[in-house]
N, C-alpha and C. Protein backbone atom coordinates (compact mmCIF):
# COMPACT_ATOMS: atom_id res chain seq x y z
N ASN A 1 76.03 106.23 86.81
CA ASN A 1 77.17 105.41 87.22
C ASN A 1 77.77 105.99 88.50
N THR A 2 78.18 105.09 89.35
CA THR A 2 78.75 105.51 90.63
C THR A 2 79.66 104.42 91.15
N LEU A 3 80.23 104.67 92.30
CA LEU A 3 81.00 103.64 93.00
C LEU A 3 80.23 103.23 94.24
N GLY A 4 80.29 101.94 94.54
CA GLY A 4 79.61 101.43 95.72
C GLY A 4 80.54 100.52 96.51
N TYR A 5 80.41 100.56 97.83
CA TYR A 5 81.27 99.77 98.71
C TYR A 5 80.55 98.49 99.11
N TYR A 6 81.22 97.35 98.89
CA TYR A 6 80.65 96.06 99.27
C TYR A 6 81.78 95.06 99.50
N ASN A 7 81.70 94.33 100.59
CA ASN A 7 82.64 93.24 100.89
C ASN A 7 84.10 93.72 100.84
N ASN A 8 84.37 94.84 101.50
CA ASN A 8 85.72 95.41 101.61
C ASN A 8 86.32 95.89 100.30
N ASN A 9 85.50 96.17 99.31
CA ASN A 9 85.97 96.70 98.03
C ASN A 9 85.03 97.79 97.54
N TRP A 10 85.59 98.67 96.71
CA TRP A 10 84.79 99.67 96.01
C TRP A 10 84.59 99.18 94.58
N TRP A 11 83.32 99.22 94.12
CA TRP A 11 82.95 98.67 92.83
C TRP A 11 82.32 99.75 91.94
N TYR A 12 82.48 99.56 90.63
CA TYR A 12 81.86 100.44 89.65
C TYR A 12 80.44 99.93 89.37
N VAL A 13 79.46 100.78 89.64
CA VAL A 13 78.06 100.38 89.51
C VAL A 13 77.43 101.13 88.33
N ARG A 14 76.87 100.34 87.41
CA ARG A 14 76.19 100.90 86.23
C ARG A 14 74.78 100.31 86.19
N ASN A 15 73.79 101.18 86.11
CA ASN A 15 72.39 100.73 86.06
C ASN A 15 72.05 99.80 87.22
N GLY A 16 72.59 100.12 88.40
CA GLY A 16 72.24 99.37 89.60
C GLY A 16 72.97 98.06 89.81
N ARG A 17 73.91 97.73 88.91
CA ARG A 17 74.67 96.48 89.03
C ARG A 17 76.16 96.74 88.89
N VAL A 18 76.95 95.91 89.54
CA VAL A 18 78.40 96.01 89.38
C VAL A 18 78.75 95.62 87.95
N ASP A 19 79.54 96.46 87.30
CA ASP A 19 80.02 96.19 85.94
C ASP A 19 81.44 95.67 86.04
N PHE A 20 81.58 94.34 86.01
CA PHE A 20 82.89 93.71 86.17
C PHE A 20 83.79 93.92 84.96
N ASN A 21 83.25 94.43 83.87
CA ASN A 21 84.04 94.69 82.67
C ASN A 21 84.52 96.14 82.59
N ALA A 22 84.13 96.94 83.56
CA ALA A 22 84.48 98.37 83.52
C ALA A 22 85.97 98.59 83.74
N ASN A 23 86.58 99.31 82.82
CA ASN A 23 87.96 99.79 82.93
C ASN A 23 87.89 101.28 82.59
N THR A 24 87.78 102.09 83.61
CA THR A 24 87.48 103.50 83.42
C THR A 24 87.86 104.28 84.67
N LEU A 25 87.41 105.50 84.74
CA LEU A 25 87.51 106.30 85.96
C LEU A 25 86.10 106.46 86.51
N GLY A 26 85.98 106.37 87.82
CA GLY A 26 84.69 106.54 88.48
C GLY A 26 84.75 107.66 89.49
N TYR A 27 83.70 108.46 89.54
CA TYR A 27 83.65 109.62 90.42
C TYR A 27 82.93 109.27 91.72
N TYR A 28 83.57 109.62 92.84
CA TYR A 28 82.93 109.42 94.13
C TYR A 28 83.59 110.33 95.16
N ASN A 29 82.78 111.01 95.95
CA ASN A 29 83.26 111.82 97.07
C ASN A 29 84.32 112.85 96.63
N ASN A 30 84.02 113.57 95.56
CA ASN A 30 84.88 114.63 95.03
C ASN A 30 86.22 114.15 94.49
N ASN A 31 86.33 112.88 94.16
CA ASN A 31 87.56 112.34 93.55
C ASN A 31 87.20 111.42 92.39
N TRP A 32 88.17 111.29 91.48
CA TRP A 32 88.05 110.35 90.37
C TRP A 32 88.97 109.17 90.67
N TRP A 33 88.43 107.96 90.58
CA TRP A 33 89.15 106.75 90.96
C TRP A 33 89.34 105.83 89.76
N TYR A 34 90.48 105.14 89.76
CA TYR A 34 90.82 104.22 88.67
C TYR A 34 90.13 102.88 88.89
N VAL A 35 89.34 102.46 87.92
CA VAL A 35 88.59 101.21 88.00
C VAL A 35 89.16 100.21 87.00
N ARG A 36 89.50 99.02 87.51
CA ARG A 36 90.00 97.93 86.66
C ARG A 36 89.13 96.71 86.94
N ASN A 37 88.55 96.17 85.86
CA ASN A 37 87.66 95.01 85.98
C ASN A 37 86.57 95.23 87.02
N GLY A 38 86.04 96.44 87.04
CA GLY A 38 84.91 96.75 87.90
C GLY A 38 85.24 97.18 89.32
N ARG A 39 86.49 97.03 89.72
CA ARG A 39 86.88 97.34 91.11
C ARG A 39 87.89 98.48 91.13
N VAL A 40 87.76 99.37 92.12
CA VAL A 40 88.74 100.44 92.28
C VAL A 40 90.09 99.83 92.64
N ASP A 41 91.12 100.24 91.88
CA ASP A 41 92.48 99.74 92.11
C ASP A 41 93.28 100.85 92.79
N PHE A 42 93.39 100.76 94.11
CA PHE A 42 94.08 101.79 94.89
C PHE A 42 95.60 101.73 94.73
N ASN A 43 96.12 100.71 94.06
CA ASN A 43 97.56 100.59 93.82
C ASN A 43 97.95 101.11 92.45
N ALA A 44 96.99 101.53 91.65
CA ALA A 44 97.27 101.94 90.28
C ALA A 44 98.07 103.24 90.24
N ASN A 45 99.16 103.21 89.49
CA ASN A 45 99.96 104.39 89.16
C ASN A 45 100.15 104.33 87.65
N THR A 46 99.29 105.03 86.93
CA THR A 46 99.21 104.84 85.49
C THR A 46 98.47 106.02 84.87
N LEU A 47 98.09 105.87 83.61
CA LEU A 47 97.18 106.79 82.96
C LEU A 47 95.83 106.10 82.81
N GLY A 48 94.77 106.85 83.00
CA GLY A 48 93.42 106.32 82.84
C GLY A 48 92.65 107.17 81.84
N TYR A 49 91.85 106.51 81.01
CA TYR A 49 91.10 107.20 79.96
C TYR A 49 89.66 107.45 80.42
N TYR A 50 89.22 108.69 80.23
CA TYR A 50 87.83 109.03 80.54
C TYR A 50 87.46 110.31 79.80
N ASN A 51 86.29 110.31 79.17
CA ASN A 51 85.73 111.50 78.55
C ASN A 51 86.71 112.15 77.56
N ASN A 52 87.29 111.33 76.70
CA ASN A 52 88.21 111.77 75.64
C ASN A 52 89.51 112.38 76.15
N ASN A 53 89.89 112.07 77.38
CA ASN A 53 91.16 112.53 77.94
C ASN A 53 91.86 111.39 78.65
N TRP A 54 93.18 111.50 78.71
CA TRP A 54 93.99 110.58 79.50
C TRP A 54 94.44 111.32 80.74
N TRP A 55 94.23 110.70 81.91
CA TRP A 55 94.48 111.33 83.20
C TRP A 55 95.55 110.58 83.98
N TYR A 56 96.34 111.32 84.75
CA TYR A 56 97.38 110.72 85.59
C TYR A 56 96.76 110.21 86.89
N VAL A 57 97.00 108.94 87.16
CA VAL A 57 96.45 108.29 88.35
C VAL A 57 97.60 107.91 89.28
N LYS A 58 97.49 108.31 90.53
CA LYS A 58 98.48 107.95 91.55
C LYS A 58 97.73 107.34 92.73
N ASN A 59 98.17 106.15 93.12
CA ASN A 59 97.50 105.42 94.21
C ASN A 59 95.99 105.31 93.98
N GLY A 60 95.63 105.10 92.72
CA GLY A 60 94.24 104.87 92.36
C GLY A 60 93.40 106.10 92.15
N CYS A 61 93.94 107.28 92.40
CA CYS A 61 93.17 108.52 92.34
C CYS A 61 93.78 109.49 91.33
N VAL A 62 92.95 110.15 90.53
CA VAL A 62 93.45 111.15 89.59
C VAL A 62 94.08 112.30 90.37
N ASP A 63 95.29 112.67 89.96
CA ASP A 63 96.01 113.79 90.57
C ASP A 63 96.01 114.95 89.59
N PHE A 64 95.15 115.93 89.84
CA PHE A 64 94.99 117.07 88.93
C PHE A 64 96.10 118.10 89.08
N ASN A 65 96.99 117.93 90.05
CA ASN A 65 98.04 118.91 90.30
C ASN A 65 99.39 118.53 89.72
N VAL A 66 99.50 117.35 89.14
CA VAL A 66 100.80 116.87 88.69
C VAL A 66 101.15 117.43 87.31
N ASN A 67 102.43 117.77 87.16
CA ASN A 67 103.03 118.20 85.90
C ASN A 67 104.32 117.42 85.75
N THR A 68 104.34 116.44 84.84
CA THR A 68 105.48 115.53 84.76
C THR A 68 105.45 114.76 83.45
N LEU A 69 106.41 113.87 83.30
CA LEU A 69 106.41 112.89 82.22
C LEU A 69 106.01 111.55 82.82
N VAL A 70 105.14 110.83 82.12
CA VAL A 70 104.64 109.54 82.61
C VAL A 70 104.86 108.48 81.54
N TYR A 71 105.45 107.36 81.97
CA TYR A 71 105.68 106.24 81.05
C TYR A 71 104.42 105.39 80.97
N TYR A 72 103.92 105.21 79.73
CA TYR A 72 102.71 104.42 79.52
C TYR A 72 102.71 103.89 78.09
N ASN A 73 102.46 102.60 77.94
CA ASN A 73 102.41 101.96 76.61
C ASN A 73 103.63 102.29 75.75
N ASN A 74 104.81 102.13 76.34
CA ASN A 74 106.09 102.29 75.64
C ASN A 74 106.40 103.72 75.19
N ASN A 75 105.75 104.70 75.78
CA ASN A 75 106.04 106.10 75.49
C ASN A 75 106.07 106.90 76.78
N TRP A 76 106.78 108.03 76.71
CA TRP A 76 106.78 108.99 77.81
C TRP A 76 105.86 110.14 77.42
N TRP A 77 104.78 110.33 78.18
CA TRP A 77 103.76 111.32 77.88
C TRP A 77 103.90 112.55 78.78
N TYR A 78 103.60 113.71 78.20
CA TYR A 78 103.65 114.97 78.92
C TYR A 78 102.30 115.22 79.60
N VAL A 79 102.34 115.27 80.91
CA VAL A 79 101.13 115.46 81.72
C VAL A 79 101.20 116.83 82.37
N ILE A 80 100.16 117.62 82.17
CA ILE A 80 100.05 118.93 82.80
C ILE A 80 98.66 119.05 83.43
N ASN A 81 98.63 119.52 84.67
CA ASN A 81 97.37 119.61 85.42
C ASN A 81 96.62 118.28 85.41
N GLY A 82 97.39 117.20 85.46
CA GLY A 82 96.81 115.87 85.60
C GLY A 82 96.40 115.16 84.33
N HIS A 83 96.46 115.83 83.18
CA HIS A 83 96.05 115.14 81.94
C HIS A 83 97.12 115.26 80.86
N VAL A 84 97.13 114.30 79.94
CA VAL A 84 98.07 114.32 78.84
C VAL A 84 97.70 115.46 77.90
N ASP A 85 98.70 116.28 77.57
CA ASP A 85 98.49 117.38 76.63
C ASP A 85 99.09 116.96 75.29
N PHE A 86 98.24 116.50 74.38
CA PHE A 86 98.68 115.99 73.09
C PHE A 86 99.11 117.10 72.14
N THR A 87 98.94 118.36 72.52
CA THR A 87 99.36 119.48 71.68
C THR A 87 100.68 120.08 72.14
N ALA A 88 101.23 119.60 73.24
CA ALA A 88 102.42 120.21 73.83
C ALA A 88 103.66 120.00 72.96
N ASN A 89 104.36 121.09 72.72
CA ASN A 89 105.67 121.09 72.09
C ASN A 89 106.54 121.93 73.02
N THR A 90 107.34 121.23 73.84
CA THR A 90 108.01 121.91 74.94
C THR A 90 109.20 121.08 75.42
N ILE A 91 109.82 121.57 76.47
CA ILE A 91 110.85 120.84 77.20
C ILE A 91 110.25 120.44 78.54
N ALA A 92 110.43 119.17 78.91
CA ALA A 92 109.88 118.68 80.17
C ALA A 92 110.95 117.90 80.92
N LYS A 93 110.80 117.88 82.24
CA LYS A 93 111.81 117.27 83.11
C LYS A 93 111.27 116.03 83.79
N ASN A 94 112.16 115.03 83.92
CA ASN A 94 111.91 113.92 84.83
C ASN A 94 113.23 113.60 85.53
N GLU A 95 113.28 112.50 86.25
CA GLU A 95 114.48 112.18 87.04
C GLU A 95 115.71 111.88 86.18
N LYS A 96 115.51 111.65 84.88
CA LYS A 96 116.63 111.34 83.98
C LYS A 96 117.15 112.56 83.22
N GLY A 97 116.45 113.69 83.32
CA GLY A 97 116.92 114.88 82.64
C GLY A 97 115.80 115.70 82.02
N LEU A 98 116.20 116.58 81.09
CA LEU A 98 115.26 117.40 80.35
C LEU A 98 115.06 116.78 78.97
N TRP A 99 113.81 116.76 78.50
CA TRP A 99 113.46 116.06 77.27
C TRP A 99 112.65 116.95 76.34
N TYR A 100 112.82 116.70 75.04
CA TYR A 100 112.03 117.39 74.02
C TYR A 100 110.71 116.65 73.83
N VAL A 101 109.62 117.37 73.99
CA VAL A 101 108.27 116.82 73.84
C VAL A 101 107.65 117.38 72.57
N ASN A 102 107.17 116.50 71.71
CA ASN A 102 106.51 116.89 70.47
C ASN A 102 105.13 116.23 70.43
N ASN A 103 104.09 117.05 70.33
CA ASN A 103 102.71 116.54 70.33
C ASN A 103 102.43 115.66 71.54
N GLY A 104 102.95 116.07 72.69
CA GLY A 104 102.62 115.42 73.95
C GLY A 104 103.45 114.22 74.33
N VAL A 105 104.39 113.83 73.48
CA VAL A 105 105.19 112.63 73.76
C VAL A 105 106.67 112.95 73.56
N VAL A 106 107.54 112.36 74.38
CA VAL A 106 108.98 112.56 74.22
C VAL A 106 109.39 112.01 72.85
N ASP A 107 110.10 112.83 72.09
CA ASP A 107 110.55 112.46 70.74
C ASP A 107 112.02 112.07 70.80
N PHE A 108 112.27 110.77 70.96
CA PHE A 108 113.64 110.27 71.07
C PHE A 108 114.40 110.34 69.75
N GLY A 109 113.72 110.61 68.66
CA GLY A 109 114.38 110.72 67.36
C GLY A 109 114.78 112.14 67.01
N TYR A 110 114.46 113.10 67.87
CA TYR A 110 114.75 114.49 67.55
C TYR A 110 116.18 114.86 67.89
N ASN A 111 116.84 115.50 66.92
CA ASN A 111 118.18 116.07 67.09
C ASN A 111 118.12 117.49 66.55
N GLY A 112 118.44 118.46 67.38
CA GLY A 112 118.39 119.84 66.94
C GLY A 112 118.29 120.79 68.11
N THR A 113 117.66 121.93 67.87
CA THR A 113 117.50 122.93 68.91
C THR A 113 116.02 123.22 69.15
N PHE A 114 115.76 123.83 70.29
CA PHE A 114 114.41 124.25 70.65
C PHE A 114 114.52 125.60 71.32
N ASP A 115 113.77 126.57 70.82
CA ASP A 115 113.74 127.90 71.42
C ASP A 115 112.63 127.93 72.47
N GLY A 116 113.03 127.96 73.73
CA GLY A 116 112.06 127.92 74.82
C GLY A 116 111.39 129.25 75.06
N LEU A 117 110.20 129.20 75.63
CA LEU A 117 109.49 130.42 76.00
C LEU A 117 110.21 131.18 77.09
N ASP A 118 111.14 130.49 77.76
CA ASP A 118 111.93 131.11 78.83
C ASP A 118 113.12 131.90 78.29
N GLY A 119 113.23 132.00 76.95
CA GLY A 119 114.32 132.75 76.34
C GLY A 119 115.61 131.97 76.20
N LYS A 120 115.58 130.68 76.48
CA LYS A 120 116.77 129.84 76.37
C LYS A 120 116.71 129.00 75.11
N ILE A 121 117.90 128.65 74.62
CA ILE A 121 118.01 127.73 73.49
C ILE A 121 118.46 126.39 74.04
N TYR A 122 117.70 125.35 73.74
CA TYR A 122 117.99 124.00 74.20
C TYR A 122 118.57 123.19 73.04
N TYR A 123 119.70 122.54 73.30
CA TYR A 123 120.33 121.68 72.31
C TYR A 123 120.00 120.23 72.67
N ILE A 124 119.52 119.50 71.66
CA ILE A 124 118.91 118.19 71.91
C ILE A 124 119.53 117.13 71.02
N LYS A 125 119.81 115.97 71.63
CA LYS A 125 120.26 114.80 70.88
C LYS A 125 119.45 113.60 71.35
N ASN A 126 118.82 112.91 70.41
CA ASN A 126 117.96 111.76 70.71
C ASN A 126 116.90 112.12 71.76
N GLY A 127 116.38 113.33 71.65
CA GLY A 127 115.31 113.78 72.55
C GLY A 127 115.78 114.35 73.87
N LEU A 128 117.04 114.13 74.23
CA LEU A 128 117.58 114.56 75.53
C LEU A 128 118.32 115.89 75.38
N VAL A 129 118.01 116.84 76.24
CA VAL A 129 118.71 118.13 76.25
C VAL A 129 120.11 117.91 76.81
N TYR A 130 121.13 118.33 76.05
CA TYR A 130 122.51 118.19 76.52
C TYR A 130 123.20 119.53 76.76
N GLN A 131 122.57 120.62 76.32
CA GLN A 131 123.16 121.94 76.54
C GLN A 131 122.05 122.98 76.50
N ILE A 132 122.22 124.02 77.34
CA ILE A 132 121.26 125.12 77.37
C ILE A 132 122.05 126.42 77.28
N ASP A 133 121.67 127.29 76.35
CA ASP A 133 122.30 128.60 76.23
C ASP A 133 121.29 129.69 76.55
N GLU A 134 121.78 130.69 77.28
CA GLU A 134 120.97 131.88 77.55
C GLU A 134 121.05 132.78 76.33
N VAL A 135 119.93 133.36 75.94
CA VAL A 135 119.91 134.30 74.83
C VAL A 135 120.23 135.68 75.39
N GLU A 136 121.18 136.34 74.75
CA GLU A 136 121.62 137.67 75.20
C GLU A 136 120.60 138.72 74.86
């Protein structure tokens, strides 16, 4: 499988033919590209599934350097080094604040505390951190 350029578009090629049903990631020129309906979608900003992992796609290309929260399918997912970490139990930041992540997804139902690896105690309501205490 590869990507091929034809008629001003990049296409996903399987067994020598364009696969118009392909919704995947395709590798070409040292990058992984988001393919929708057989064509590379350079406007895609989403998660893409490939090889049993979900990857963060920005402008159609997998970004292996990103560490953030990504909204996809009605959930906020924890992305580290470009892929969703389904084992993560941590605090993560986005433009709306700090959030409690349980098994890789923001847990909006969580109310309580979280002892961070940074030695801080995070106080959480509805998944959102509202107070941070330094441990003496």
